[in-house]
Amino acid sequence: MGLTAASLKRVAKGVPIARMLLVGDIALLAGRHALRLNGAERRRLAQLLHKRARRTGGLDADERAELDEIVAKLQPRLFLGTAARRLSPIRLPARLLYGPRNSSARRAARDSR
């Protein structure tokens, strides 16, 4: 009998190795989402985040728009919805995980199956 996602979630609370497997699964998911950006976009994202963190005034309007564009390519709602679905011991509604019916996160989740 192999470990299924459901059985892994049930035993994760009491078994440290199962918890580590779940953490590893989410880390792989995060890595796949980070690969949606090319090297230049990842460097620019790091620059903008560093600049925003060290400057009290934040980013100007053009930089904020650029940051929004780069973050949108990462599809954060899809990442969070998929991570929640994998970690939750109960089935969660798609509306909660991926948003309204015609949202880009919902289409991407449907296409990735």
Protein backbone atom coordinates (compact mmCIF):
# COMPACT_ATOMS: atom_id res chain seq x y z
CA MET A 1 0.00 0.00 0.00
CA GLY A 2 1.50 3.34 -1.08
CA LEU A 3 1.16 6.72 0.53
CA THR A 4 -1.61 8.72 -1.05
CA ALA A 5 -2.00 12.44 -0.51
CA ALA A 6 -5.03 11.86 1.74
CA SER A 7 -3.30 9.30 3.93
CA LEU A 8 -0.20 11.48 4.14
CA LYS A 9 -2.29 14.41 5.37
CA ARG A 10 -3.92 12.25 8.05
CA VAL A 11 -0.65 10.99 9.50
CA ALA A 12 1.33 14.24 9.11
CA LYS A 13 0.20 15.52 12.48
CA GLY A 14 1.78 12.69 14.43
CA VAL A 15 4.60 11.55 12.14
CA PRO A 16 7.42 14.07 11.54
CA ILE A 17 8.58 12.45 8.27
CA ALA A 18 5.09 12.80 6.78
CA ARG A 19 5.15 16.48 7.68
CA MET A 20 8.51 16.84 5.95
CA LEU A 21 7.12 15.16 2.82
CA LEU A 22 4.28 17.69 2.74
CA VAL A 23 6.74 20.57 3.16
CA GLY A 24 8.84 19.13 0.33
CA ASP A 25 5.76 18.90 -1.89
CA ILE A 26 4.99 22.59 -1.31
CA ALA A 27 8.64 23.51 -1.93
CA LEU A 28 8.52 21.72 -5.30
CA LEU A 29 5.29 23.54 -6.12
CA ALA A 30 6.92 26.89 -5.25
CA GLY A 31 9.89 26.03 -7.45
CA ARG A 32 7.62 25.27 -10.41
CA HIS A 33 5.90 28.63 -9.96
CA ALA A 34 9.26 30.45 -9.73
CA LEU A 35 10.28 28.90 -13.05
CA ARG A 36 7.46 30.79 -14.73
CA LEU A 37 9.85 33.75 -14.72
CA ASN A 38 13.00 33.90 -16.80
CA GLY A 39 16.34 34.83 -15.22
CA ALA A 40 16.02 38.54 -16.00
CA GLU A 41 12.54 38.69 -14.48
CA ARG A 42 13.69 36.89 -11.32
CA ARG A 43 16.62 39.32 -10.93
CA ARG A 44 14.34 42.32 -11.50
CA LEU A 45 11.84 40.97 -8.97
CA ALA A 46 14.63 40.64 -6.39
CA GLN A 47 15.85 44.17 -7.17
CA LEU A 48 12.39 45.69 -6.81
CA LEU A 49 11.67 43.83 -3.56
CA HIS A 50 15.06 44.84 -2.13
CA LYS A 51 14.53 48.45 -3.18
CA ARG A 52 11.06 48.48 -1.62
CA ALA A 53 12.35 47.00 1.63
CA ARG A 54 15.19 49.47 2.15
CA ARG A 55 13.54 52.67 0.98
CA THR A 56 10.98 54.32 3.25
CA GLY A 57 9.15 55.93 0.33
CA GLY A 58 8.62 52.64 -1.43
CA LEU A 59 8.52 52.31 -5.20
CA ASP A 60 7.39 54.88 -7.71
CA ALA A 61 4.32 54.23 -9.88
CA ASP A 62 6.27 52.71 -12.80
CA GLU A 63 8.17 50.36 -10.51
CA ARG A 64 4.95 49.31 -8.74
CA ALA A 65 3.35 48.55 -12.10
CA GLU A 66 6.41 46.51 -13.12
CA LEU A 67 6.34 44.63 -9.82
CA ASP A 68 2.61 43.91 -10.24
CA GLU A 69 3.24 42.58 -13.75
CA ILE A 70 6.05 40.26 -12.61
CA VAL A 71 4.07 38.97 -9.62
CA ALA A 72 1.03 38.34 -11.85
CA LYS A 73 3.17 36.01 -13.97
CA LEU A 74 3.81 33.90 -10.85
CA GLN A 75 0.04 33.33 -10.49
CA PRO A 76 -0.01 33.66 -6.68
CA ARG A 77 -3.68 32.69 -6.33
CA LEU A 78 -3.07 29.45 -8.21
CA PHE A 79 -0.05 28.71 -6.01
CA LEU A 80 -1.90 29.37 -2.76
CA GLY A 81 -4.99 27.47 -3.86
CA THR A 82 -2.96 24.45 -4.94
CA ALA A 83 -0.92 24.51 -1.73
CA ALA A 84 -4.08 24.73 0.40
CA ARG A 85 -5.68 21.87 -1.57
CA ARG A 86 -2.61 19.69 -1.01
CA LEU A 87 -2.35 20.47 2.71
CA SER A 88 -6.01 20.39 3.68
CA PRO A 89 -7.31 17.09 5.04
CA ILE A 90 -10.79 17.93 3.71
CA ARG A 91 -11.91 18.88 0.21
CA LEU A 92 -12.10 22.64 -0.21
CA PRO A 93 -14.42 24.33 -2.73
CA ALA A 94 -12.71 25.52 -5.92
CA ARG A 95 -14.35 28.94 -5.45
CA LEU A 96 -12.42 29.35 -2.21
CA LEU A 97 -9.14 28.06 -3.65
CA TYR A 98 -9.07 29.64 -7.10
CA GLY A 99 -11.65 32.42 -7.11
CA PRO A 100 -14.64 33.10 -9.36
CA ARG A 101 -15.57 30.78 -12.23
CA ASN A 102 -13.87 32.77 -14.99
CA SER A 103 -10.72 33.74 -13.11
CA SER A 104 -7.29 33.08 -14.60
CA ALA A 105 -6.31 30.98 -11.56
CA ARG A 106 -9.33 28.73 -12.06
CA ARG A 107 -8.51 28.26 -15.78
CA ALA A 108 -4.86 27.52 -14.99
CA ALA A 109 -5.82 24.97 -12.32
CA ARG A 110 -8.19 23.27 -14.73
CA ASP A 111 -5.52 23.19 -17.48
CA SER A 112 -2.84 21.74 -15.18
CA ARG A 113 -4.88 18.63 -14.33
